[in-house]
């Protein structure tokens, strides 16, 4: 499991707990964690694409 998935899950749980208990601060922190996990996931995807492009360039020049 990727770190981004863990962070998104943690954020979603914390957000849900905040909603259930009426704790707006915890709910907001959960939303922020979830958003950070989503951003991390996007960065991981960009990194994968860059690695694939680099490998393709190496094969073409070899």
PDB file of N, CA and C in Angstrom:
ATOM      1  N   UNK A   1       0.843  -1.179   0.000  1.00  0.00           N
ATOM      2  CA  UNK A   1       0.000   0.000   0.000  1.00  0.00           C
ATOM      3  C   UNK A   1       0.890   1.245   0.000  1.00  0.00           C
ATOM      4  N   UNK A   2       0.518   2.205  -0.812  1.00  0.00           N
ATOM      5  CA  UNK A   2       1.313   3.422  -0.917  1.00  0.00           C
ATOM      6  C   UNK A   2       1.028   4.359   0.250  1.00  0.00           C
ATOM      7  N   UNK A   3       2.008   5.204   0.505  1.00  0.00           N
ATOM      8  CA  UNK A   3       1.887   6.160   1.605  1.00  0.00           C
ATOM      9  C   UNK A   3       0.706   7.110   1.378  1.00  0.00           C
ATOM     10  N   UNK A   4       0.473   7.478   0.116  1.00  0.00           N
ATOM     11  CA  UNK A   4      -0.633   8.387  -0.177  1.00  0.00           C
ATOM     12  C   UNK A   4      -1.980   7.755   0.166  1.00  0.00           C
ATOM     13  N   UNK A   5      -2.121   6.461  -0.095  1.00  0.00           N
ATOM     14  CA  UNK A   5      -3.374   5.764   0.224  1.00  0.00           C
ATOM     15  C   UNK A   5      -3.608   5.727   1.732  1.00  0.00           C
ATOM     16  N   UNK A   6      -2.524   5.490   2.472  1.00  0.00           N
ATOM     17  CA  UNK A   6      -2.629   5.460   3.934  1.00  0.00           C
ATOM     18  C   UNK A   6      -3.062   6.834   4.462  1.00  0.00           C
ATOM     19  N   UNK A   7      -2.464   7.873   3.908  1.00  0.00           N
ATOM     20  CA  UNK A   7      -2.769   9.221   4.389  1.00  0.00           C
ATOM     21  C   UNK A   7      -4.205   9.606   4.036  1.00  0.00           C
ATOM     22  N   UNK A   8      -4.643   9.241   2.835  1.00  0.00           N
ATOM     23  CA  UNK A   8      -6.025   9.541   2.449  1.00  0.00           C
ATOM     24  C   UNK A   8      -7.004   8.809   3.354  1.00  0.00           C
ATOM     25  N   UNK A   9      -6.719   7.542   3.653  1.00  0.00           N
ATOM     26  CA  UNK A   9      -7.591   6.759   4.530  1.00  0.00           C
ATOM     27  C   UNK A   9      -7.645   7.342   5.928  1.00  0.00           C
ATOM     28  N   UNK A  10      -6.484   7.700   6.460  1.00  0.00           N
ATOM     29  CA  UNK A  10      -6.416   8.301   7.800  1.00  0.00           C
ATOM     30  C   UNK A  10      -7.219   9.598   7.831  1.00  0.00           C
ATOM     31  N   UNK A  11      -7.063  10.402   6.789  1.00  0.00           N
ATOM     32  CA  UNK A  11      -7.786  11.671   6.729  1.00  0.00           C
ATOM     33  C   UNK A  11      -9.285  11.468   6.676  1.00  0.00           C
ATOM     34  N   UNK A  12      -9.712  10.492   5.892  1.00  0.00           N
ATOM     35  CA  UNK A  12     -11.152  10.225   5.760  1.00  0.00           C
ATOM     36  C   UNK A  12     -11.727   9.744   7.098  1.00  0.00           C
ATOM     37  N   UNK A  13     -10.981   8.896   7.796  1.00  0.00           N
ATOM     38  CA  UNK A  13     -11.445   8.414   9.102  1.00  0.00           C
ATOM     39  C   UNK A  13     -11.538   9.572  10.088  1.00  0.00           C
ATOM     40  N   UNK A  14     -10.492  10.393  10.121  1.00  0.00           N
ATOM     41  CA  UNK A  14     -10.483  11.514  11.057  1.00  0.00           C
ATOM     42  C   UNK A  14     -11.613  12.505  10.740  1.00  0.00           C
ATOM     43  N   UNK A  15     -11.859  12.718   9.468  1.00  0.00           N
ATOM     44  CA  UNK A  15     -12.955  13.604   9.059  1.00  0.00           C
ATOM     45  C   UNK A  15     -14.299  13.043   9.529  1.00  0.00           C
ATOM     46  N   UNK A  16     -14.497  11.745   9.355  1.00  0.00           N
ATOM     47  CA  UNK A  16     -15.745  11.103   9.757  1.00  0.00           C
ATOM     48  C   UNK A  16     -15.944  11.171  11.270  1.00  0.00           C
ATOM     49  N   UNK A  17     -14.868  10.919  12.012  1.00  0.00           N
ATOM     50  CA  UNK A  17     -14.944  10.995  13.473  1.00  0.00           C
ATOM     51  C   UNK A  17     -15.290  12.425  13.894  1.00  0.00           C
ATOM     52  N   UNK A  18     -14.674  13.399  13.244  1.00  0.00           N
ATOM     53  CA  UNK A  18     -14.964  14.800  13.554  1.00  0.00           C
ATOM     54  C   UNK A  18     -16.418  15.153  13.302  1.00  0.00           C
ATOM     55  N   UNK A  19     -16.958  14.654  12.182  1.00  0.00           N
ATOM     56  CA  UNK A  19     -18.372  14.906  11.880  1.00  0.00           C
ATOM     57  C   UNK A  19     -19.276  14.258  12.915  1.00  0.00           C
ATOM     58  N   UNK A  20     -18.946  13.007  13.272  1.00  0.00           N
ATOM     59  CA  UNK A  20     -19.791  12.259  14.209  1.00  0.00           C
ATOM     60  C   UNK A  20     -19.788  12.877  15.608  1.00  0.00           C
ATOM     61  N   UNK A  21     -18.652  13.425  16.024  1.00  0.00           N
ATOM     62  CA  UNK A  21     -18.545  13.980  17.372  1.00  0.00           C
ATOM     63  C   UNK A  21     -18.817  15.479  17.413  1.00  0.00           C
ATOM     64  N   UNK A  22     -18.956  16.092  16.259  1.00  0.00           N
ATOM     65  CA  UNK A  22     -19.185  17.532  16.216  1.00  0.00           C
ATOM     66  C   UNK A  22     -17.909  18.340  16.424  1.00  0.00           C
ATOM     67  N   UNK A  23     -16.763  17.699  16.303  1.00  0.00           N
ATOM     68  CA  UNK A  23     -15.463  18.358  16.486  1.00  0.00           C
ATOM     69  C   UNK A  23     -15.013  18.923  15.139  1.00  0.00           C
ATOM     70  N   UNK A  24     -15.271  20.187  14.930  1.00  0.00           N
ATOM     71  CA  UNK A  24     -14.972  20.827  13.643  1.00  0.00           C
ATOM     72  C   UNK A  24     -13.480  20.866  13.357  1.00  0.00           C
ATOM     73  N   UNK A  25     -12.677  21.010  14.396  1.00  0.00           N
ATOM     74  CA  UNK A  25     -11.216  21.054  14.205  1.00  0.00           C
ATOM     75  C   UNK A  25     -10.706  19.707  13.682  1.00  0.00           C
ATOM     76  N   UNK A  26     -11.179  18.617  14.282  1.00  0.00           N
ATOM     77  CA  UNK A  26     -10.763  17.280  13.833  1.00  0.00           C
ATOM     78  C   UNK A  26     -11.260  17.010  12.416  1.00  0.00           C
ATOM     79  N   UNK A  27     -12.465  17.446  12.131  1.00  0.00           N
ATOM     80  CA  UNK A  27     -13.023  17.279  10.784  1.00  0.00           C
ATOM     81  C   UNK A  27     -12.165  18.028   9.758  1.00  0.00           C
ATOM     82  N   UNK A  28     -11.777  19.250  10.083  1.00  0.00           N
ATOM     83  CA  UNK A  28     -10.946  20.051   9.174  1.00  0.00           C
ATOM     84  C   UNK A  28      -9.571  19.416   8.996  1.00  0.00           C
ATOM     85  N   UNK A  29      -8.990  18.896  10.074  1.00  0.00           N
ATOM     86  CA  UNK A  29      -7.687  18.245   9.985  1.00  0.00           C
ATOM     87  C   UNK A  29      -7.790  16.997   9.119  1.00  0.00           C
ATOM     88  N   UNK A  30      -8.879  16.273   9.243  1.00  0.00           N
ATOM     89  CA  UNK A  30      -9.097  15.090   8.411  1.00  0.00           C
ATOM     90  C   UNK A  30      -9.194  15.444   6.942  1.00  0.00           C
ATOM     91  N   UNK A  31      -9.911  16.528   6.648  1.00  0.00           N
ATOM     92  CA  UNK A  31     -10.021  16.968   5.262  1.00  0.00           C
ATOM     93  C   UNK A  31      -8.659  17.373   4.718  1.00  0.00           C
ATOM     94  N   UNK A  32      -7.865  18.051   5.546  1.00  0.00           N
ATOM     95  CA  UNK A  32      -6.530  18.471   5.128  1.00  0.00           C
ATOM     96  C   UNK A  32      -5.632  17.257   4.878  1.00  0.00           C
ATOM     97  N   UNK A  33      -5.691  16.266   5.752  1.00  0.00           N
ATOM     98  CA  UNK A  33      -4.896  15.053   5.558  1.00  0.00           C
ATOM     99  C   UNK A  33      -5.308  14.327   4.280  1.00  0.00           C
ATOM    100  N   UNK A  34      -6.596  14.259   4.045  1.00  0.00           N
ATOM    101  CA  UNK A  34      -7.101  13.605   2.836  1.00  0.00           C
ATOM    102  C   UNK A  34      -6.605  14.341   1.596  1.00  0.00           C
ATOM    103  N   UNK A  35      -6.675  15.665   1.615  1.00  0.00           N
ATOM    104  CA  UNK A  35      -6.202  16.460   0.477  1.00  0.00           C
ATOM    105  C   UNK A  35      -4.689  16.286   0.281  1.00  0.00           C
ATOM    106  N   UNK A  36      -3.951  16.221   1.366  1.00  0.00           N
ATOM    107  CA  UNK A  36      -2.501  16.018   1.272  1.00  0.00           C
ATOM    108  C   UNK A  36      -2.192  14.643   0.665  1.00  0.00           C
ATOM    109  N   UNK A  37      -2.966  13.651   1.042  1.00  0.00           N
ATOM    110  CA  UNK A  37      -2.796  12.316   0.462  1.00  0.00           C
ATOM    111  C   UNK A  37      -3.088  12.305  -1.026  1.00  0.00           C
ATOM    112  N   UNK A  38      -4.094  13.055  -1.429  1.00  0.00           N
ATOM    113  CA  UNK A  38      -4.432  13.155  -2.849  1.00  0.00           C
ATOM    114  C   UNK A  38      -3.306  13.840  -3.618  1.00  0.00           C
ATOM    115  N   UNK A  39      -2.741  14.886  -3.043  1.00  0.00           N
ATOM    116  CA  UNK A  39      -1.624  15.581  -3.689  1.00  0.00           C
ATOM    117  C   UNK A  39      -0.403  14.669  -3.770  1.00  0.00           C
ATOM    118  N   UNK A  40      -0.150  13.915  -2.724  1.00  0.00           N
ATOM    119  CA  UNK A  40       0.986  12.977  -2.721  1.00  0.00           C
ATOM    120  C   UNK A  40       0.792  11.912  -3.798  1.00  0.00           C
ATOM    121  N   UNK A  41      -0.447  11.452  -3.952  1.00  0.00           N
ATOM    122  CA  UNK A  41      -0.755  10.458  -4.977  1.00  0.00           C
ATOM    123  C   UNK A  41      -0.476  11.015  -6.371  1.00  0.00           C
ATOM    124  N   UNK A  42      -0.859  12.263  -6.601  1.00  0.00           N
ATOM    125  CA  UNK A  42      -0.595  12.893  -7.895  1.00  0.00           C
ATOM    126  C   UNK A  42       0.911  12.991  -8.150  1.00  0.00           C
ATOM    127  N   UNK A  43       1.667  13.337  -7.130  1.00  0.00           N
ATOM    128  CA  UNK A  43       3.120  13.429  -7.270  1.00  0.00           C
ATOM    129  C   UNK A  43       3.719  12.056  -7.566  1.00  0.00           C
ATOM    130  N   UNK A  44       3.206  11.017  -6.919  1.00  0.00           N
ATOM    131  CA  UNK A  44       3.678   9.655  -7.181  1.00  0.00           C
ATOM    132  C   UNK A  44       3.394   9.257  -8.625  1.00  0.00           C
ATOM    133  N   UNK A  45       2.225   9.635  -9.128  1.00  0.00           N
ATOM    134  CA  UNK A  45       1.873   9.314 -10.515  1.00  0.00           C
ATOM    135  C   UNK A  45       2.775  10.048 -11.494  1.00  0.00           C
ATOM    136  N   UNK A  46       3.086  11.299 -11.220  1.00  0.00           N
ATOM    137  CA  UNK A  46       3.979  12.065 -12.085  1.00  0.00           C
ATOM    138  C   UNK A  46       5.363  11.413 -12.096  1.00  0.00           C
ATOM    139  N   UNK A  47       5.807  10.980 -10.945  1.00  0.00           N
ATOM    140  CA  UNK A  47       7.114  10.332 -10.843  1.00  0.00           C
ATOM    141  C   UNK A  47       7.143   9.041 -11.671  1.00  0.00           C
ATOM    142  N   UNK A  48       6.073   8.258 -11.617  1.00  0.00           N
ATOM    143  CA  UNK A  48       5.996   7.022 -12.410  1.00  0.00           C
ATOM    144  C   UNK A  48       6.079   7.319 -13.899  1.00  0.00           C
ATOM    145  N   UNK A  49       5.335   8.322 -14.337  1.00  0.00           N
ATOM    146  CA  UNK A  49       5.324   8.678 -15.752  1.00  0.00           C
ATOM    147  C   UNK A  49       6.704   9.152 -16.184  1.00  0.00           C
ATOM    148  N   UNK A  50       7.361   9.934 -15.360  1.00  0.00           N
ATOM    149  CA  UNK A  50       8.698  10.419 -15.687  1.00  0.00           C
ATOM    150  C   UNK A  50       9.688   9.261 -15.791  1.00  0.00           C
ATOM    151  N   UNK A  51       9.592   8.292 -14.901  1.00  0.00           N
ATOM    152  CA  UNK A  51      10.479   7.129 -14.952  1.00  0.00           C
ATOM    153  C   UNK A  51      10.251   6.325 -16.223  1.00  0.00           C
ATOM    154  N   UNK A  52       8.991   6.148 -16.606  1.00  0.00           N
ATOM    155  CA  UNK A  52       8.679   5.418 -17.843  1.00  0.00           C
ATOM    156  C   UNK A  52       9.217   6.157 -19.063  1.00  0.00           C
ATOM    157  N   UNK A  53       9.076   7.469 -19.077  1.00  0.00           N
ATOM    158  CA  UNK A  53       9.586   8.259 -20.202  1.00  0.00           C
ATOM    159  C   UNK A  53      11.108   8.165 -20.268  1.00  0.00           C
ATOM    160  N   UNK A  54      11.759   8.216 -19.126  1.00  0.00           N
ATOM    161  CA  UNK A  54      13.223   8.108 -19.078  1.00  0.00           C
ATOM    162  C   UNK A  54      13.675   6.752 -19.613  1.00  0.00           C
ATOM    163  N   UNK A  55      12.993   5.680 -19.210  1.00  0.00           N
ATOM    164  CA  UNK A  55      13.335   4.342 -19.686  1.00  0.00           C
ATOM    165  C   UNK A  55      13.134   4.236 -21.199  1.00  0.00           C
ATOM    166  N   UNK A  56      12.057   4.815 -21.696  1.00  0.00           N
ATOM    167  CA  UNK A  56      11.794   4.776 -23.134  1.00  0.00           C
ATOM    168  C   UNK A  56      12.888   5.524 -23.902  1.00  0.00           C
ATOM    169  N   UNK A  57      13.346   6.636 -23.382  1.00  0.00           N
ATOM    170  CA  UNK A  57      14.412   7.397 -24.038  1.00  0.00           C
ATOM    171  C   UNK A  57      15.717   6.589 -24.038  1.00  0.00           C
ATOM    172  N   UNK A  58      15.999   5.909 -22.960  1.00  0.00           N
ATOM    173  CA  UNK A  58      17.225   5.093 -22.881  1.00  0.00           C
ATOM    174  C   UNK A  58      17.177   3.962 -23.911  1.00  0.00           C
ATOM    175  N   UNK A  59      16.014   3.339 -24.070  1.00  0.00           N
ATOM    176  CA  UNK A  59      15.888   2.251 -25.056  1.00  0.00           C
ATOM    177  C   UNK A  59      16.054   2.759 -26.473  1.00  0.00           C
ATOM    178  N   UNK A  60      15.568   3.960 -26.743  1.00  0.00           N
ATOM    179  CA  UNK A  60      15.683   4.527 -28.091  1.00  0.00           C
ATOM    180  C   UNK A  60      17.120   4.881 -28.458  1.00  0.00           C
ATOM    181  N   UNK A  61      17.868   5.354 -27.469  1.00  0.00           N
ATOM    182  CA  UNK A  61      19.241   5.781 -27.749  1.00  0.00           C
ATOM    183  C   UNK A  61      20.234   4.617 -27.673  1.00  0.00           C
ATOM    184  N   UNK A  62      19.815   3.501 -27.122  1.00  0.00           N
ATOM    185  CA  UNK A  62      20.733   2.371 -26.970  1.00  0.00           C
ATOM    186  C   UNK A  62      20.858   1.555 -28.227  1.00  0.00           C
TER     187      UNK A  62
END
